[in-house]
Amino acid sequence: MSDRLSAREEKAVAYAQAHLAAIAFIEGHLFEPLDLARVARAAGYSASEFSRRFTQMQGESVMAYVRGRRLETAAARILADPEARLIDLAIECGFTSQAAFTRAFTRAFGEAPGRLRRGADESPPQRRRRPGPGASAPALDERIEQSPELVLVGMARRFSPANYGELGGLWERLVALRQAAGGSRRDESFAVFFDREPGGTFEYFAAWRAWSEEVPAPLERVVLPAGRYLVVRHRLREGPLLPQLTAGQEAMDPVRRRLGAAWEFERYPANFGVVCRWVDRYLPLDEAVRRVPTRLTPSTAGRRRGRS
């Protein structure tokens, strides 16, 4: 199979990048006046085409997403600041009254803001979303696997909704380095998530299996420990990948909370999205494996080789 993207793949990647850029634009202007036309202009699409594509990709309309993000931010504020006044949060979120804010908040989270404030949970609740057109629950299969040590080489960056649009650029830089070393963009690849925070913030490591002992800058090496993992295979259906992957991540939230894992990783098979339409998500089970994996930059890797 050619290492070049097909015209269909290039079009899908271009819109996925525009979609993530729109998410970042919304995040950066969340409490400003926003409407479909303004967000569509930021993404470089007409309002009608962008509305259709956004709903297909995100599983909800543009303005439903904006309202949802405002409510999620308000929920985090309620938990972080016991003195935050609901009427102030209501106005910031664009509601005309505290009563309207409370109704929307309760629909979104299943509990009123006052009850959330009195509760013992310090993590913001998960927002309920209406299924998008033709949406169905992710097809997830669980198994327990004894995994050997896995050595990866890649690049890391911290992401939040404000810079999701730069995620594709991270992978493209990594692809160029991988191709320079004789590899292919269609090789098996990995994503490691460290330090997840409420609101969609995480440290992200995009990687391939290590192909040499050297760790050329700007790459770093991560050693994933051997041990028992809960592996959740997400079987993807025909259609856009991004909304399915997002739904799969959200479906994993209860599992993450149950296991209390500080990190996890995903394995994407060779020819992912073209021939193979599944992804495996690994969550550590053994206490020794739950520790955050060793991360080696080129300088620390060199020092370790020098001591050996």
Protein backbone atom coordinates (compact mmCIF):
# COMPACT_ATOMS: atom_id res chain seq x y z
CA MET A 1 0.00 0.00 0.00
CA SER A 2 1.29 3.46 -0.94
CA ASP A 3 2.66 5.65 1.84
CA ARG A 4 0.92 8.64 0.27
CA LEU A 5 -2.53 9.65 1.42
CA SER A 6 -5.33 9.11 -1.07
CA ALA A 7 -7.41 12.09 -2.18
CA ARG A 8 -10.22 10.89 0.09
CA GLU A 9 -7.83 10.58 3.04
CA GLU A 10 -6.35 14.03 2.38
CA LYS A 11 -9.84 15.56 2.35
CA ALA A 12 -10.76 13.79 5.60
CA VAL A 13 -7.51 14.90 7.26
CA ALA A 14 -8.00 18.49 6.08
CA TYR A 15 -11.46 18.68 7.60
CA ALA A 16 -10.37 16.92 10.81
CA GLN A 17 -7.68 19.59 11.23
CA ALA A 18 -10.22 22.35 10.53
CA HIS A 19 -12.57 20.75 13.05
CA LEU A 20 -9.91 20.70 15.76
CA ALA A 21 -8.98 24.29 14.89
CA ALA A 22 -12.65 25.23 15.36
CA ILE A 23 -12.68 23.52 18.76
CA ALA A 24 -9.59 25.53 19.72
CA PHE A 25 -11.22 28.75 18.43
CA ILE A 26 -14.34 28.08 20.51
CA GLU A 27 -12.21 27.40 23.57
CA GLY A 28 -10.28 30.63 23.11
CA HIS A 29 -13.47 32.71 22.71
CA LEU A 30 -15.80 30.63 24.88
CA PHE A 31 -17.38 33.47 26.83
CA GLU A 32 -17.55 35.91 23.93
CA PRO A 33 -20.62 36.19 21.68
CA LEU A 34 -20.41 33.13 19.41
CA ASP A 35 -22.64 31.90 16.64
CA LEU A 36 -22.40 29.36 13.83
CA ALA A 37 -21.26 31.89 11.24
CA ARG A 38 -18.34 33.15 13.33
CA VAL A 39 -17.04 29.67 14.14
CA ALA A 40 -17.47 28.55 10.51
CA ARG A 41 -15.42 31.53 9.28
CA ALA A 42 -12.65 30.60 11.72
CA ALA A 43 -12.66 27.06 10.30
CA GLY A 44 -12.66 28.30 6.68
CA TYR A 45 -16.00 26.79 5.66
CA SER A 46 -19.44 28.08 4.75
CA ALA A 47 -21.91 28.03 7.62
CA SER A 48 -24.10 25.35 6.03
CA GLU A 49 -21.26 22.95 5.17
CA PHE A 50 -19.52 23.50 8.49
CA SER A 51 -22.73 22.93 10.45
CA ARG A 52 -23.30 19.60 8.71
CA ARG A 53 -19.70 18.44 9.05
CA PHE A 54 -19.35 19.59 12.68
CA THR A 55 -22.49 17.75 13.77
CA GLN A 56 -21.33 14.63 11.95
CA MET A 57 -17.88 14.78 13.55
CA GLN A 58 -18.79 15.99 17.04
CA GLY A 59 -22.13 14.28 17.53
CA GLU A 60 -23.84 17.58 18.43
CA SER A 61 -24.40 20.95 16.78
CA VAL A 62 -21.93 23.82 17.01
CA MET A 63 -24.01 25.82 19.47
CA ALA A 64 -24.91 22.75 21.54
CA TYR A 65 -21.18 22.14 21.89
CA VAL A 66 -20.57 25.80 22.86
CA ARG A 67 -23.30 25.68 25.51
CA GLY A 68 -21.98 22.36 26.78
CA ARG A 69 -18.43 23.65 27.15
CA ARG A 70 -19.68 26.74 29.00
CA LEU A 71 -21.61 24.52 31.39
CA GLU A 72 -18.60 22.22 31.89
CA THR A 73 -16.48 25.26 32.73
CA ALA A 74 -19.16 26.46 35.14
CA ALA A 75 -19.22 23.03 36.83
CA ALA A 76 -15.45 23.19 37.33
CA ARG A 77 -15.79 26.71 38.78
CA ILE A 78 -18.48 25.57 41.24
CA LEU A 79 -16.19 22.84 42.55
CA ALA A 80 -13.08 25.03 42.66
CA ASP A 81 -14.66 28.16 44.16
CA PRO A 82 -17.30 27.67 46.88
CA GLU A 83 -17.97 31.42 46.80
CA ALA A 84 -18.86 31.52 43.08
CA ARG A 85 -22.38 32.95 42.69
CA LEU A 86 -24.72 31.03 40.40
CA ILE A 87 -26.22 34.21 38.96
CA ASP A 88 -22.72 35.35 37.89
CA LEU A 89 -22.03 31.97 36.27
CA ALA A 90 -25.41 32.11 34.55
CA ILE A 91 -24.65 35.49 32.97
CA GLU A 92 -21.14 34.43 31.94
CA CYS A 93 -22.61 31.35 30.24
CA GLY A 94 -25.09 33.49 28.28
CA PHE A 95 -28.27 32.71 30.21
CA THR A 96 -30.78 35.41 31.00
CA SER A 97 -31.57 34.09 34.48
CA GLN A 98 -30.28 31.80 37.20
CA ALA A 99 -33.37 29.62 36.76
CA ALA A 100 -32.61 29.05 33.06
CA PHE A 101 -28.99 28.25 33.92
CA THR A 102 -30.05 25.78 36.61
CA ARG A 103 -32.44 23.98 34.23
CA ALA A 104 -29.77 23.68 31.52
CA PHE A 105 -27.14 22.59 34.06
CA THR A 106 -29.44 19.90 35.48
CA ARG A 107 -30.24 18.57 31.99
CA ALA A 108 -26.54 18.47 31.14
CA PHE A 109 -25.24 16.77 34.29
CA GLY A 110 -28.22 15.12 35.93
CA GLU A 111 -27.96 17.22 39.08
CA ALA A 112 -28.51 20.85 40.01
CA PRO A 113 -25.50 23.16 40.56
CA GLY A 114 -26.33 23.55 44.26
CA ARG A 115 -26.32 19.79 44.76
CA LEU A 116 -22.99 19.52 42.95
CA ARG A 117 -21.52 22.14 45.29
CA ARG A 118 -22.67 20.18 48.35
CA GLY A 119 -21.42 16.83 47.04
CA ALA A 120 -18.19 15.11 48.03
CA ASP A 121 -16.90 14.49 44.50
CA GLU A 122 -14.10 16.88 43.54
CA SER A 123 -14.12 15.97 39.85
CA PRO A 124 -16.52 17.75 37.45
CA PRO A 125 -19.37 15.46 36.34
CA GLN A 126 -19.55 14.12 32.81
CA ARG A 127 -21.92 16.00 30.55
CA ARG A 128 -24.78 14.07 29.01
CA ARG A 129 -24.93 14.30 25.24
CA ARG A 130 -27.75 13.49 22.92
CA PRO A 131 -26.72 10.89 20.32
CA GLY A 132 -25.97 12.46 16.94
CA PRO A 133 -27.68 11.40 13.70
CA GLY A 134 -27.16 7.68 13.17
CA ALA A 135 -25.00 7.45 16.30
CA SER A 136 -24.70 4.18 18.19
CA ALA A 137 -22.81 3.07 21.27
CA PRO A 138 -19.12 2.23 20.70
CA ALA A 139 -18.41 -1.47 20.13
CA LEU A 140 -16.00 -2.26 22.98
CA ASP A 141 -14.57 -5.67 23.90
CA GLU A 142 -12.53 -6.18 27.10
CA ARG A 143 -9.77 -8.67 27.81
CA ILE A 144 -6.85 -8.99 30.25
CA GLU A 145 -3.45 -9.29 28.62
CA GLN A 146 0.05 -9.96 29.92
CA SER A 147 2.06 -7.48 27.88
CA PRO A 148 5.85 -7.49 27.44
CA GLU A 149 7.93 -4.36 27.92
CA LEU A 150 7.39 -1.96 25.06
CA VAL A 151 9.98 0.62 24.00
CA LEU A 152 8.60 3.57 22.03
CA VAL A 153 10.16 6.57 20.34
CA GLY A 154 8.16 9.69 19.67
CA MET A 155 7.28 13.25 20.59
CA ALA A 156 5.29 14.62 23.53
CA ARG A 157 3.19 17.71 24.06
CA ARG A 158 0.52 18.89 26.48
CA PHE A 159 -2.91 19.39 24.92
CA SER A 160 -6.18 21.00 25.95
CA PRO A 161 -9.21 22.01 23.86
CA ALA A 162 -7.43 25.34 23.27
CA ASN A 163 -4.72 23.69 21.13
CA TYR A 164 -6.31 20.44 19.86
CA GLY A 165 -5.84 21.85 16.37
CA GLU A 166 -2.08 21.33 16.72
CA LEU A 167 -2.38 17.59 17.36
CA GLY A 168 -2.21 16.79 13.64
CA GLY A 169 0.95 18.86 13.29
CA LEU A 170 2.64 16.81 16.01
CA TRP A 171 1.90 13.60 14.10
CA GLU A 172 3.05 15.09 10.77
CA ARG A 173 6.41 16.08 12.26
CA LEU A 174 6.74 12.58 13.68
CA VAL A 175 5.78 11.00 10.34
CA ALA A 176 8.52 12.99 8.58
CA LEU A 177 11.13 11.75 11.07
CA ARG A 178 9.84 8.19 10.79
CA GLN A 179 9.96 8.27 6.98
CA ALA A 180 13.50 9.68 7.08
CA ALA A 181 14.46 6.56 9.07
CA GLY A 182 12.94 4.28 6.43
CA GLY A 183 9.52 3.80 8.04
CA SER A 184 6.01 4.47 6.81
CA ARG A 185 3.11 6.59 8.04
CA ARG A 186 1.04 3.39 7.84
CA ASP A 187 3.17 1.47 10.37
CA GLU A 188 1.71 0.41 13.72
CA SER A 189 1.63 3.46 16.01
CA PHE A 190 0.92 4.36 19.63
CA ALA A 191 -0.42 7.20 21.76
CA VAL A 192 0.39 7.41 25.47
CA PHE A 193 -1.72 9.61 27.77
CA PHE A 194 -0.24 10.98 30.98
CA ASP A 195 -1.77 13.21 33.63
CA ARG A 196 -5.35 13.52 32.40
CA GLU A 197 -7.26 16.44 33.88
CA PRO A 198 -10.96 17.35 33.83
CA GLY A 199 -11.92 19.41 30.81
CA GLY A 200 -9.88 17.44 28.27
CA THR A 201 -6.31 18.38 29.22
CA PHE A 202 -3.57 15.74 29.04
CA GLU A 203 0.09 15.06 28.28
CA TYR A 204 0.21 13.23 24.93
CA PHE A 205 3.05 11.11 23.55
CA ALA A 206 2.73 10.14 19.85
CA ALA A 207 5.06 7.27 18.98
CA TRP A 208 6.19 4.24 17.03
CA ARG A 209 8.12 1.22 18.25
CA ALA A 210 11.77 2.16 18.76
CA TRP A 211 13.63 1.43 15.53
CA SER A 212 17.19 1.92 16.81
CA GLU A 213 19.17 2.40 20.01
CA GLU A 214 19.68 6.06 19.14
CA VAL A 215 17.14 8.68 20.18
CA PRO A 216 17.73 11.59 17.79
CA ALA A 217 16.47 15.01 18.85
CA PRO A 218 13.71 16.10 19.13
CA LEU A 219 12.49 12.57 19.89
CA GLU A 220 12.34 10.94 23.29
CA ARG A 221 12.00 7.35 24.40
CA VAL A 222 9.29 5.94 26.64
CA VAL A 223 9.53 2.47 28.18
CA LEU A 224 6.12 0.95 28.91
CA PRO A 225 6.53 -1.69 31.64
CA ALA A 226 5.69 -5.37 31.26
CA GLY A 227 2.69 -6.56 33.23
CA ARG A 228 -1.04 -7.16 33.23
CA TYR A 229 -3.26 -4.69 31.40
CA LEU A 230 -6.97 -4.34 30.87
CA VAL A 231 -7.23 -4.06 27.08
CA VAL A 232 -10.37 -2.57 25.56
CA ARG A 233 -10.66 -3.09 21.80
CA HIS A 234 -12.78 -0.46 20.09
CA ARG A 235 -14.10 -1.77 16.78
CA LEU A 236 -14.80 1.14 14.45
CA ARG A 237 -17.63 1.24 11.96
CA GLU A 238 -17.62 2.74 8.49
CA GLY A 239 -17.70 6.52 8.48
CA PRO A 240 -15.61 9.32 10.02
CA LEU A 241 -13.12 8.14 12.63
CA LEU A 242 -12.91 11.21 14.88
CA PRO A 243 -16.46 11.09 16.34
CA GLN A 244 -16.14 7.35 16.95
CA LEU A 245 -12.77 7.76 18.68
CA THR A 246 -14.19 10.58 20.80
CA ALA A 247 -17.18 8.44 21.79
CA GLY A 248 -14.83 5.59 22.66
CA GLN A 249 -12.73 7.84 24.88
CA GLU A 250 -15.84 9.06 26.71
CA ALA A 251 -17.08 5.48 27.16
CA MET A 252 -13.75 4.68 28.85
CA ASP A 253 -14.19 7.30 31.58
CA PRO A 254 -16.00 4.97 34.05
CA VAL A 255 -13.28 2.34 33.52
CA ARG A 256 -10.53 4.89 34.22
CA ARG A 257 -12.25 6.01 37.40
CA ARG A 258 -12.71 2.40 38.54
CA LEU A 259 -9.05 1.49 38.00
CA GLY A 260 -7.57 4.83 39.08
CA ALA A 261 -4.77 4.53 36.50
CA ALA A 262 -2.36 7.47 36.23
CA TRP A 263 -1.61 6.73 32.58
CA GLU A 264 -2.76 4.60 29.63
CA PHE A 265 -1.84 3.96 26.04
CA GLU A 266 -3.50 3.22 22.71
CA ARG A 267 -2.23 0.93 19.96
CA TYR A 268 -3.21 1.60 16.36
CA PRO A 269 -2.57 -1.29 13.93
CA ALA A 270 -0.71 -0.91 10.66
CA ASN A 271 -2.94 0.60 7.96
CA PHE A 272 -5.21 1.99 10.67
CA GLY A 273 -8.44 3.42 9.30
CA VAL A 274 -7.85 1.98 5.81
CA VAL A 275 -7.71 -1.81 6.21
CA CYS A 276 -7.78 -2.19 10.01
CA ARG A 277 -10.56 -0.30 11.77
CA TRP A 278 -9.93 -0.95 15.44
CA VAL A 279 -7.85 0.49 18.26
CA ASP A 280 -6.71 -1.19 21.50
CA ARG A 281 -6.68 0.88 24.71
CA TYR A 282 -4.41 -0.43 27.49
CA LEU A 283 -4.94 0.42 31.18
CA PRO A 284 -2.43 -0.97 33.74
CA LEU A 285 -3.73 -3.42 36.36
CA ASP A 286 -0.68 -4.48 38.39
CA GLU A 287 0.50 -2.07 41.08
CA ALA A 288 4.04 -2.04 39.69
CA VAL A 289 2.75 -1.28 36.20
CA ARG A 290 0.58 1.61 37.40
CA ARG A 291 3.67 3.75 37.98
CA VAL A 292 4.22 6.34 35.28
CA PRO A 293 6.53 4.87 32.57
CA THR A 294 10.18 5.88 32.26
CA ARG A 295 10.71 8.73 29.83
CA LEU A 296 14.13 9.23 28.28
CA THR A 297 15.12 12.32 26.31
CA PRO A 298 18.12 12.05 23.95
CA SER A 299 20.41 13.47 26.67
CA THR A 300 19.23 11.12 29.44
CA ALA A 301 19.36 8.15 27.07
CA GLY A 302 22.96 9.02 26.24
CA ARG A 303 23.90 9.27 29.93
CA ARG A 304 22.34 5.88 30.62
CA ARG A 305 24.27 4.25 27.77
CA GLY A 306 27.43 5.87 29.06
CA ARG A 307 26.93 4.28 32.51
CA SER A 308 26.18 0.82 31.11
